[in-house]
Amino acid sequence: MTATATPTVTTETAAAVFTAAARATHWTRTNLGLRTEVNHGGYGWTVELPAGNEPHRARIAFRDSWGNVEHLDVPATWGQTLPIVEAAMAATRAL
């Protein structure tokens, strides 16, 4: 039996993905929180803002390419999370 490798994400890639999420204008509301998808480096990245009464940092939950989906759990810093929250709130605000 072979062990599957856990995908790694460099700090620079994570920062670029979080920056793209902070510019996202389309967010989907799920029972787990708000979610957006951004493209970077040939992958589609899913960034989530977890729901709940406690504050949570944004995180990269998945990346996909050519039908292959990798589950990730890469948390953003609070400094990266705040602009992502602003983008999500602006995109989901009722007019």
PDB file of N, CA and C in Angstrom:
ATOM      1  N   MET A   1       0.843  -1.168   0.000  1.00  0.00           N
ATOM      2  CA  MET A   1       0.000   0.000   0.000  1.00  0.00           C
ATOM      3  C   MET A   1       0.893   1.236   0.000  1.00  0.00           C
ATOM      4  N   THR A   2       0.595   2.176  -0.856  1.00  0.00           N
ATOM      5  CA  THR A   2       1.390   3.398  -0.916  1.00  0.00           C
ATOM      6  C   THR A   2       0.619   4.536  -0.283  1.00  0.00           C
ATOM      7  N   ALA A   3       1.343   5.390   0.379  1.00  0.00           N
ATOM      8  CA  ALA A   3       0.725   6.567   0.990  1.00  0.00           C
ATOM      9  C   ALA A   3       0.605   7.660  -0.062  1.00  0.00           C
ATOM     10  N   THR A   4      -0.480   8.398  -0.002  1.00  0.00           N
ATOM     11  CA  THR A   4      -0.639   9.517  -0.921  1.00  0.00           C
ATOM     12  C   THR A   4       0.028  10.735  -0.323  1.00  0.00           C
ATOM     13  N   ALA A   5       0.690  11.481  -1.168  1.00  0.00           N
ATOM     14  CA  ALA A   5       1.391  12.682  -0.713  1.00  0.00           C
ATOM     15  C   ALA A   5       0.393  13.801  -0.461  1.00  0.00           C
ATOM     16  N   THR A   6       0.636  14.537   0.588  1.00  0.00           N
ATOM     17  CA  THR A   6      -0.182  15.706   0.867  1.00  0.00           C
ATOM     18  C   THR A   6       0.307  16.845  -0.005  1.00  0.00           C
ATOM     19  N   PRO A   7      -0.581  17.466  -0.787  1.00  0.00           N
ATOM     20  CA  PRO A   7      -0.140  18.560  -1.638  1.00  0.00           C
ATOM     21  C   PRO A   7       0.377  19.728  -0.806  1.00  0.00           C
ATOM     22  N   THR A   8       1.427  20.333  -1.285  1.00  0.00           N
ATOM     23  CA  THR A   8       1.971  21.499  -0.595  1.00  0.00           C
ATOM     24  C   THR A   8       1.740  22.746  -1.440  1.00  0.00           C
ATOM     25  N   VAL A   9       1.598  23.844  -0.760  1.00  0.00           N
ATOM     26  CA  VAL A   9       1.386  25.129  -1.413  1.00  0.00           C
ATOM     27  C   VAL A   9       2.440  26.078  -0.850  1.00  0.00           C
ATOM     28  N   THR A  10       3.203  26.706  -1.736  1.00  0.00           N
ATOM     29  CA  THR A  10       4.226  27.636  -1.268  1.00  0.00           C
ATOM     30  C   THR A  10       3.576  28.884  -0.689  1.00  0.00           C
ATOM     31  N   THR A  11       4.320  29.567   0.135  1.00  0.00           N
ATOM     32  CA  THR A  11       3.837  30.813   0.738  1.00  0.00           C
ATOM     33  C   THR A  11       3.498  31.838  -0.343  1.00  0.00           C
ATOM     34  N   GLU A  12       4.324  31.890  -1.389  1.00  0.00           N
ATOM     35  CA  GLU A  12       4.102  32.855  -2.471  1.00  0.00           C
ATOM     36  C   GLU A  12       2.820  32.529  -3.240  1.00  0.00           C
ATOM     37  N   THR A  13       2.594  31.242  -3.494  1.00  0.00           N
ATOM     38  CA  THR A  13       1.371  30.842  -4.197  1.00  0.00           C
ATOM     39  C   THR A  13       0.143  31.143  -3.350  1.00  0.00           C
ATOM     40  N   ALA A  14       0.203  30.802  -2.072  1.00  0.00           N
ATOM     41  CA  ALA A  14      -0.930  31.079  -1.179  1.00  0.00           C
ATOM     42  C   ALA A  14      -1.224  32.572  -1.144  1.00  0.00           C
ATOM     43  N   ALA A  15      -0.184  33.398  -1.061  1.00  0.00           N
ATOM     44  CA  ALA A  15      -0.380  34.854  -1.035  1.00  0.00           C
ATOM     45  C   ALA A  15      -1.044  35.334  -2.323  1.00  0.00           C
ATOM     46  N   ALA A  16      -0.628  34.802  -3.466  1.00  0.00           N
ATOM     47  CA  ALA A  16      -1.234  35.191  -4.742  1.00  0.00           C
ATOM     48  C   ALA A  16      -2.694  34.767  -4.809  1.00  0.00           C
ATOM     49  N   VAL A  17      -3.004  33.577  -4.315  1.00  0.00           N
ATOM     50  CA  VAL A  17      -4.389  33.095  -4.312  1.00  0.00           C
ATOM     51  C   VAL A  17      -5.241  33.962  -3.392  1.00  0.00           C
ATOM     52  N   PHE A  18      -4.740  34.294  -2.210  1.00  0.00           N
ATOM     53  CA  PHE A  18      -5.504  35.140  -1.285  1.00  0.00           C
ATOM     54  C   PHE A  18      -5.684  36.554  -1.847  1.00  0.00           C
ATOM     55  N   THR A  19      -4.681  37.052  -2.553  1.00  0.00           N
ATOM     56  CA  THR A  19      -4.813  38.370  -3.196  1.00  0.00           C
ATOM     57  C   THR A  19      -5.906  38.326  -4.267  1.00  0.00           C
ATOM     58  N   ALA A  20      -5.930  37.251  -5.048  1.00  0.00           N
ATOM     59  CA  ALA A  20      -6.975  37.107  -6.066  1.00  0.00           C
ATOM     60  C   ALA A  20      -8.351  36.999  -5.413  1.00  0.00           C
ATOM     61  N   ALA A  21      -8.447  36.299  -4.300  1.00  0.00           N
ATOM     62  CA  ALA A  21      -9.728  36.179  -3.592  1.00  0.00           C
ATOM     63  C   ALA A  21     -10.189  37.533  -3.069  1.00  0.00           C
ATOM     64  N   ALA A  22      -9.250  38.388  -2.679  1.00  0.00           N
ATOM     65  CA  ALA A  22      -9.602  39.723  -2.187  1.00  0.00           C
ATOM     66  C   ALA A  22     -10.140  40.609  -3.307  1.00  0.00           C
ATOM     67  N   ARG A  23      -9.968  40.194  -4.552  1.00  0.00           N
ATOM     68  CA  ARG A  23     -10.489  40.934  -5.712  1.00  0.00           C
ATOM     69  C   ARG A  23     -11.727  40.259  -6.310  1.00  0.00           C
ATOM     70  N   ALA A  24     -12.101  39.105  -5.767  1.00  0.00           N
ATOM     71  CA  ALA A  24     -13.209  38.331  -6.336  1.00  0.00           C
ATOM     72  C   ALA A  24     -14.534  39.071  -6.191  1.00  0.00           C
ATOM     73  N   THR A  25     -15.338  38.994  -7.229  1.00  0.00           N
ATOM     74  CA  THR A  25     -16.638  39.656  -7.208  1.00  0.00           C
ATOM     75  C   THR A  25     -17.797  38.667  -7.209  1.00  0.00           C
ATOM     76  N   HIS A  26     -17.500  37.383  -7.289  1.00  0.00           N
ATOM     77  CA  HIS A  26     -18.549  36.365  -7.266  1.00  0.00           C
ATOM     78  C   HIS A  26     -18.284  35.430  -6.086  1.00  0.00           C
ATOM     79  N   TRP A  27     -19.220  35.413  -5.166  1.00  0.00           N
ATOM     80  CA  TRP A  27     -19.139  34.558  -3.978  1.00  0.00           C
ATOM     81  C   TRP A  27     -20.407  33.741  -3.882  1.00  0.00           C
ATOM     82  N   THR A  28     -20.272  32.513  -3.421  1.00  0.00           N
ATOM     83  CA  THR A  28     -21.406  31.621  -3.240  1.00  0.00           C
ATOM     84  C   THR A  28     -21.594  31.380  -1.752  1.00  0.00           C
ATOM     85  N   ARG A  29     -22.836  31.500  -1.313  1.00  0.00           N
ATOM     86  CA  ARG A  29     -23.149  31.248   0.096  1.00  0.00           C
ATOM     87  C   ARG A  29     -23.509  29.772   0.254  1.00  0.00           C
ATOM     88  N   THR A  30     -22.801  29.069   1.122  1.00  0.00           N
ATOM     89  CA  THR A  30     -23.087  27.663   1.405  1.00  0.00           C
ATOM     90  C   THR A  30     -23.379  27.526   2.896  1.00  0.00           C
ATOM     91  N   ASN A  31     -23.785  26.338   3.313  1.00  0.00           N
ATOM     92  CA  ASN A  31     -24.027  26.138   4.745  1.00  0.00           C
ATOM     93  C   ASN A  31     -22.722  26.140   5.546  1.00  0.00           C
ATOM     94  N   LEU A  32     -21.598  26.063   4.862  1.00  0.00           N
ATOM     95  CA  LEU A  32     -20.292  26.108   5.523  1.00  0.00           C
ATOM     96  C   LEU A  32     -19.676  27.503   5.532  1.00  0.00           C
ATOM     97  N   GLY A  33     -20.281  28.437   4.815  1.00  0.00           N
ATOM     98  CA  GLY A  33     -19.758  29.798   4.746  1.00  0.00           C
ATOM     99  C   GLY A  33     -19.733  30.295   3.313  1.00  0.00           C
ATOM    100  N   LEU A  34     -19.030  31.392   3.092  1.00  0.00           N
ATOM    101  CA  LEU A  34     -18.910  31.961   1.750  1.00  0.00           C
ATOM    102  C   LEU A  34     -17.736  31.325   1.028  1.00  0.00           C
ATOM    103  N   ARG A  35     -17.877  31.194  -0.293  1.00  0.00           N
ATOM    104  CA  ARG A  35     -16.862  30.508  -1.095  1.00  0.00           C
ATOM    105  C   ARG A  35     -16.691  31.217  -2.426  1.00  0.00           C
ATOM    106  N   THR A  36     -15.447  31.343  -2.868  1.00  0.00           N
ATOM    107  CA  THR A  36     -15.170  31.869  -4.199  1.00  0.00           C
ATOM    108  C   THR A  36     -14.138  30.978  -4.869  1.00  0.00           C
ATOM    109  N   GLU A  37     -14.075  31.066  -6.175  1.00  0.00           N
ATOM    110  CA  GLU A  37     -13.087  30.316  -6.941  1.00  0.00           C
ATOM    111  C   GLU A  37     -12.268  31.296  -7.760  1.00  0.00           C
ATOM    112  N   VAL A  38     -10.951  31.150  -7.698  1.00  0.00           N
ATOM    113  CA  VAL A  38     -10.039  32.008  -8.445  1.00  0.00           C
ATOM    114  C   VAL A  38      -9.071  31.122  -9.218  1.00  0.00           C
ATOM    115  N   ASN A  39      -8.465  31.677 -10.247  1.00  0.00           N
ATOM    116  CA  ASN A  39      -7.493  30.952 -11.048  1.00  0.00           C
ATOM    117  C   ASN A  39      -6.104  31.506 -10.795  1.00  0.00           C
ATOM    118  N   HIS A  40      -5.145  30.605 -10.672  1.00  0.00           N
ATOM    119  CA  HIS A  40      -3.749  31.008 -10.512  1.00  0.00           C
ATOM    120  C   HIS A  40      -2.855  29.826 -10.841  1.00  0.00           C
ATOM    121  N   GLY A  41      -1.854  30.060 -11.670  1.00  0.00           N
ATOM    122  CA  GLY A  41      -0.860  29.043 -11.972  1.00  0.00           C
ATOM    123  C   GLY A  41      -1.407  27.775 -12.596  1.00  0.00           C
ATOM    124  N   GLY A  42      -2.457  27.897 -13.383  1.00  0.00           N
ATOM    125  CA  GLY A  42      -3.020  26.739 -14.049  1.00  0.00           C
ATOM    126  C   GLY A  42      -3.984  25.931 -13.201  1.00  0.00           C
ATOM    127  N   TYR A  43      -4.267  26.388 -12.002  1.00  0.00           N
ATOM    128  CA  TYR A  43      -5.204  25.705 -11.114  1.00  0.00           C
ATOM    129  C   TYR A  43      -6.411  26.594 -10.838  1.00  0.00           C
ATOM    130  N   GLY A  44      -7.523  25.958 -10.523  1.00  0.00           N
ATOM    131  CA  GLY A  44      -8.663  26.647  -9.943  1.00  0.00           C
ATOM    132  C   GLY A  44      -8.564  26.460  -8.440  1.00  0.00           C
ATOM    133  N   TRP A  45      -8.650  27.537  -7.696  1.00  0.00           N
ATOM    134  CA  TRP A  45      -8.491  27.501  -6.238  1.00  0.00           C
ATOM    135  C   TRP A  45      -9.803  27.898  -5.587  1.00  0.00           C
ATOM    136  N   THR A  46     -10.242  27.149  -4.594  1.00  0.00           N
ATOM    137  CA  THR A  46     -11.443  27.475  -3.841  1.00  0.00           C
ATOM    138  C   THR A  46     -11.017  28.061  -2.506  1.00  0.00           C
ATOM    139  N   VAL A  47     -11.467  29.289  -2.262  1.00  0.00           N
ATOM    140  CA  VAL A  47     -11.171  29.983  -1.008  1.00  0.00           C
ATOM    141  C   VAL A  47     -12.476  30.119  -0.241  1.00  0.00           C
ATOM    142  N   GLU A  48     -12.435  29.774   1.038  1.00  0.00           N
ATOM    143  CA  GLU A  48     -13.634  29.816   1.867  1.00  0.00           C
ATOM    144  C   GLU A  48     -13.469  30.766   3.045  1.00  0.00           C
ATOM    145  N   LEU A  49     -14.593  31.362   3.417  1.00  0.00           N
ATOM    146  CA  LEU A  49     -14.710  32.108   4.663  1.00  0.00           C
ATOM    147  C   LEU A  49     -15.667  31.298   5.528  1.00  0.00           C
ATOM    148  N   PRO A  50     -15.154  30.545   6.490  1.00  0.00           N
ATOM    149  CA  PRO A  50     -16.009  29.669   7.286  1.00  0.00           C
ATOM    150  C   PRO A  50     -17.105  30.432   8.031  1.00  0.00           C
ATOM    151  N   ALA A  51     -18.264  29.797   8.128  1.00  0.00           N
ATOM    152  CA  ALA A  51     -19.405  30.370   8.841  1.00  0.00           C
ATOM    153  C   ALA A  51     -19.282  30.064  10.329  1.00  0.00           C
ATOM    154  N   GLY A  52     -20.017  30.799  11.127  1.00  0.00           N
ATOM    155  CA  GLY A  52     -20.058  30.532  12.559  1.00  0.00           C
ATOM    156  C   GLY A  52     -20.058  31.807  13.360  1.00  0.00           C
ATOM    157  N   ASN A  53     -20.265  31.661  14.647  1.00  0.00           N
ATOM    158  CA  ASN A  53     -20.309  32.823  15.531  1.00  0.00           C
ATOM    159  C   ASN A  53     -18.926  33.332  15.907  1.00  0.00           C
ATOM    160  N   GLU A  54     -17.920  32.483  15.792  1.00  0.00           N
ATOM    161  CA  GLU A  54     -16.548  32.870  16.105  1.00  0.00           C
ATOM    162  C   GLU A  54     -15.847  33.335  14.833  1.00  0.00           C
ATOM    163  N   PRO A  55     -14.968  34.313  14.928  1.00  0.00           N
ATOM    164  CA  PRO A  55     -14.238  34.729  13.725  1.00  0.00           C
ATOM    165  C   PRO A  55     -13.266  33.631  13.276  1.00  0.00           C
ATOM    166  N   HIS A  56     -13.212  33.410  11.995  1.00  0.00           N
ATOM    167  CA  HIS A  56     -12.314  32.415  11.407  1.00  0.00           C
ATOM    168  C   HIS A  56     -11.550  33.066  10.273  1.00  0.00           C
ATOM    169  N   ARG A  57     -10.330  32.624  10.090  1.00  0.00           N
ATOM    170  CA  ARG A  57      -9.539  33.125   8.967  1.00  0.00           C
ATOM    171  C   ARG A  57     -10.000  32.452   7.681  1.00  0.00           C
ATOM    172  N   ALA A  58      -9.790  33.140   6.577  1.00  0.00           N
ATOM    173  CA  ALA A  58     -10.052  32.552   5.269  1.00  0.00           C
ATOM    174  C   ALA A  58      -9.092  31.378   5.085  1.00  0.00           C
ATOM    175  N   ARG A  59      -9.454  30.481   4.175  1.00  0.00           N
ATOM    176  CA  ARG A  59      -8.572  29.349   3.918  1.00  0.00           C
ATOM    177  C   ARG A  59      -8.744  28.862   2.492  1.00  0.00           C
ATOM    178  N   ILE A  60      -7.674  28.296   1.966  1.00  0.00           N
ATOM    179  CA  ILE A  60      -7.750  27.614   0.684  1.00  0.00           C
ATOM    180  C   ILE A  60      -8.216  26.200   0.989  1.00  0.00           C
ATOM    181  N   ALA A  61      -9.348  25.825   0.416  1.00  0.00           N
ATOM    182  CA  ALA A  61      -9.935  24.521   0.711  1.00  0.00           C
ATOM    183  C   ALA A  61      -9.613  23.473  -0.355  1.00  0.00           C
ATOM    184  N   PHE A  62      -9.531  23.901  -1.620  1.00  0.00           N
ATOM    185  CA  PHE A  62      -9.304  22.968  -2.722  1.00  0.00           C
ATOM    186  C   PHE A  62      -8.502  23.646  -3.820  1.00  0.00           C
ATOM    187  N   ARG A  63      -7.871  22.831  -4.625  1.00  0.00           N
ATOM    188  CA  ARG A  63      -7.357  23.281  -5.918  1.00  0.00           C
ATOM    189  C   ARG A  63      -7.674  22.181  -6.909  1.00  0.00           C
ATOM    190  N   ASP A  64      -7.968  22.586  -8.133  1.00  0.00           N
ATOM    191  CA  ASP A  64      -8.310  21.581  -9.137  1.00  0.00           C
ATOM    192  C   ASP A  64      -7.702  21.943 -10.479  1.00  0.00           C
ATOM    193  N   SER A  65      -7.436  20.899 -11.241  1.00  0.00           N
ATOM    194  CA  SER A  65      -6.916  21.055 -12.589  1.00  0.00           C
ATOM    195  C   SER A  65      -7.171  19.769 -13.354  1.00  0.00           C
ATOM    196  N   TRP A  66      -7.728  19.890 -14.524  1.00  0.00           N
ATOM    197  CA  TRP A  66      -7.956  18.759 -15.406  1.00  0.00           C
ATOM    198  C   TRP A  66      -8.699  17.619 -14.713  1.00  0.00           C
ATOM    199  N   GLY A  67      -9.714  17.941 -13.945  1.00  0.00           N
ATOM    200  CA  GLY A  67     -10.552  16.925 -13.328  1.00  0.00           C
ATOM    201  C   GLY A  67     -10.008  16.351 -12.031  1.00  0.00           C
ATOM    202  N   ASN A  68      -8.835  16.773 -11.615  1.00  0.00           N
ATOM    203  CA  ASN A  68      -8.243  16.288 -10.375  1.00  0.00           C
ATOM    204  C   ASN A  68      -8.449  17.351  -9.294  1.00  0.00           C
ATOM    205  N   VAL A  69      -9.075  16.968  -8.197  1.00  0.00           N
ATOM    206  CA  VAL A  69      -9.326  17.898  -7.099  1.00  0.00           C
ATOM    207  C   VAL A  69      -8.479  17.485  -5.904  1.00  0.00           C
ATOM    208  N   GLU A  70      -7.731  18.434  -5.371  1.00  0.00           N
ATOM    209  CA  GLU A  70      -6.919  18.182  -4.187  1.00  0.00           C
ATOM    210  C   GLU A  70      -7.502  18.959  -3.021  1.00  0.00           C
ATOM    211  N   HIS A  71      -7.759  18.275  -1.935  1.00  0.00           N
ATOM    212  CA  HIS A  71      -8.276  18.912  -0.737  1.00  0.00           C
ATOM    213  C   HIS A  71      -7.108  19.527   0.022  1.00  0.00           C
ATOM    214  N   LEU A  72      -7.266  20.779   0.401  1.00  0.00           N
ATOM    215  CA  LEU A  72      -6.228  21.510   1.108  1.00  0.00           C
ATOM    216  C   LEU A  72      -6.822  22.154   2.348  1.00  0.00           C
ATOM    217  N   ASP A  73      -5.987  22.624   3.202  1.00  0.00           N
ATOM    218  CA  ASP A  73      -6.418  23.427   4.347  1.00  0.00           C
ATOM    219  C   ASP A  73      -5.284  24.399   4.647  1.00  0.00           C
ATOM    220  N   VAL A  74      -5.240  25.458   3.834  1.00  0.00           N
ATOM    221  CA  VAL A  74      -4.179  26.453   3.948  1.00  0.00           C
ATOM    222  C   VAL A  74      -4.804  27.736   4.487  1.00  0.00           C
ATOM    223  N   PRO A  75      -4.556  28.059   5.756  1.00  0.00           N
ATOM    224  CA  PRO A  75      -5.181  29.246   6.333  1.00  0.00           C
ATOM    225  C   PRO A  75      -4.470  30.534   5.908  1.00  0.00           C
ATOM    226  N   ALA A  76      -5.262  31.569   5.769  1.00  0.00           N
ATOM    227  CA  ALA A  76      -4.724  32.906   5.510  1.00  0.00           C
ATOM    228  C   ALA A  76      -4.337  33.549   6.839  1.00  0.00           C
ATOM    229  N   THR A  77      -3.506  34.560   6.766  1.00  0.00           N
ATOM    230  CA  THR A  77      -3.241  35.362   7.957  1.00  0.00           C
ATOM    231  C   THR A  77      -4.445  36.273   8.170  1.00  0.00           C
ATOM    232  N   TRP A  78      -4.526  36.888   9.327  1.00  0.00           N
ATOM    233  CA  TRP A  78      -5.620  37.840   9.554  1.00  0.00           C
ATOM    234  C   TRP A  78      -5.493  39.021   8.609  1.00  0.00           C
ATOM    235  N   GLY A  79      -4.265  39.435   8.312  1.00  0.00           N
ATOM    236  CA  GLY A  79      -4.064  40.530   7.363  1.00  0.00           C
ATOM    237  C   GLY A  79      -4.544  40.186   5.965  1.00  0.00           C
ATOM    238  N   GLN A  80      -4.438  38.925   5.570  1.00  0.00           N
ATOM    239  CA  GLN A  80      -4.949  38.494   4.278  1.00  0.00           C
ATOM    240  C   GLN A  80      -6.458  38.275   4.329  1.00  0.00           C
ATOM    241  N   THR A  81      -6.969  37.877   5.477  1.00  0.00           N
ATOM    242  CA  THR A  81      -8.396  37.577   5.612  1.00  0.00           C
ATOM    243  C   THR A  81      -9.252  38.829   5.523  1.00  0.00           C
ATOM    244  N   LEU A  82      -8.818  39.916   6.137  1.00  0.00           N
ATOM    245  CA  LEU A  82      -9.658  41.129   6.175  1.00  0.00           C
ATOM    246  C   LEU A  82     -10.047  41.640   4.794  1.00  0.00           C
ATOM    247  N   PRO A  83      -9.134  41.776   3.817  1.00  0.00           N
ATOM    248  CA  PRO A  83      -9.570  42.216   2.487  1.00  0.00           C
ATOM    249  C   PRO A  83     -10.468  41.183   1.786  1.00  0.00           C
ATOM    250  N   ILE A  84     -10.286  39.907   2.104  1.00  0.00           N
ATOM    251  CA  ILE A  84     -11.146  38.877   1.529  1.00  0.00           C
ATOM    252  C   ILE A  84     -12.562  39.027   2.074  1.00  0.00           C
ATOM    253  N   VAL A  85     -12.681  39.300   3.361  1.00  0.00           N
ATOM    254  CA  VAL A  85     -14.003  39.537   3.976  1.00  0.00           C
ATOM    255  C   VAL A  85     -14.653  40.753   3.325  1.00  0.00           C
ATOM    256  N   GLU A  86     -13.886  41.818   3.125  1.00  0.00           N
ATOM    257  CA  GLU A  86     -14.426  43.027   2.483  1.00  0.00           C
ATOM    258  C   GLU A  86     -14.963  42.710   1.077  1.00  0.00           C
ATOM    259  N   ALA A  87     -14.199  41.931   0.307  1.00  0.00           N
ATOM    260  CA  ALA A  87     -14.642  41.571  -1.047  1.00  0.00           C
ATOM    261  C   ALA A  87     -15.913  40.727  -1.001  1.00  0.00           C
ATOM    262  N   ALA A  88     -15.947  39.763  -0.086  1.00  0.00           N
ATOM    263  CA  ALA A  88     -17.124  38.902   0.028  1.00  0.00           C
ATOM    264  C   ALA A  88     -18.352  39.702   0.442  1.00  0.00           C
ATOM    265  N   MET A  89     -18.192  40.599   1.380  1.00  0.00           N
ATOM    266  CA  MET A  89     -19.329  41.399   1.845  1.00  0.00           C
ATOM    267  C   MET A  89     -19.817  42.338   0.745  1.00  0.00           C
ATOM    268  N   ALA A  90     -18.902  42.926   0.007  1.00  0.00           N
ATOM    269  CA  ALA A  90     -19.297  43.805  -1.101  1.00  0.00           C
ATOM    270  C   ALA A  90     -20.023  43.023  -2.187  1.00  0.00           C
ATOM    271  N   ALA A  91     -19.589  41.808  -2.452  1.00  0.00           N
ATOM    272  CA  ALA A  91     -20.195  41.007  -3.513  1.00  0.00           C
ATOM    273  C   ALA A  91     -21.546  40.430  -3.107  1.00  0.00           C
ATOM    274  N   THR A  92     -21.769  40.228  -1.815  1.00  0.00           N
ATOM    275  CA  THR A  92     -23.026  39.605  -1.369  1.00  0.00           C
ATOM    276  C   THR A  92     -23.994  40.587  -0.753  1.00  0.00           C
ATOM    277  N   ARG A  93     -23.624  41.846  -0.696  1.00  0.00           N
ATOM    278  CA  ARG A  93     -24.484  42.871  -0.090  1.00  0.00           C
ATOM    279  C   ARG A  93     -25.743  43.054  -0.942  1.00  0.00           C
ATOM    280  N   ALA A  94     -26.871  43.016  -0.302  1.00  0.00           N
ATOM    281  CA  ALA A  94     -28.144  43.230  -0.998  1.00  0.00           C
ATOM    282  C   ALA A  94     -28.287  44.707  -1.312  1.00  0.00           C
ATOM    283  N   LEU A  95     -28.694  45.002  -2.525  1.00  0.00           N
ATOM    284  CA  LEU A  95     -28.858  46.417  -2.924  1.00  0.00           C
ATOM    285  C   LEU A  95     -30.246  46.898  -2.623  1.00  0.00           C
TER     286      LEU A  95
END
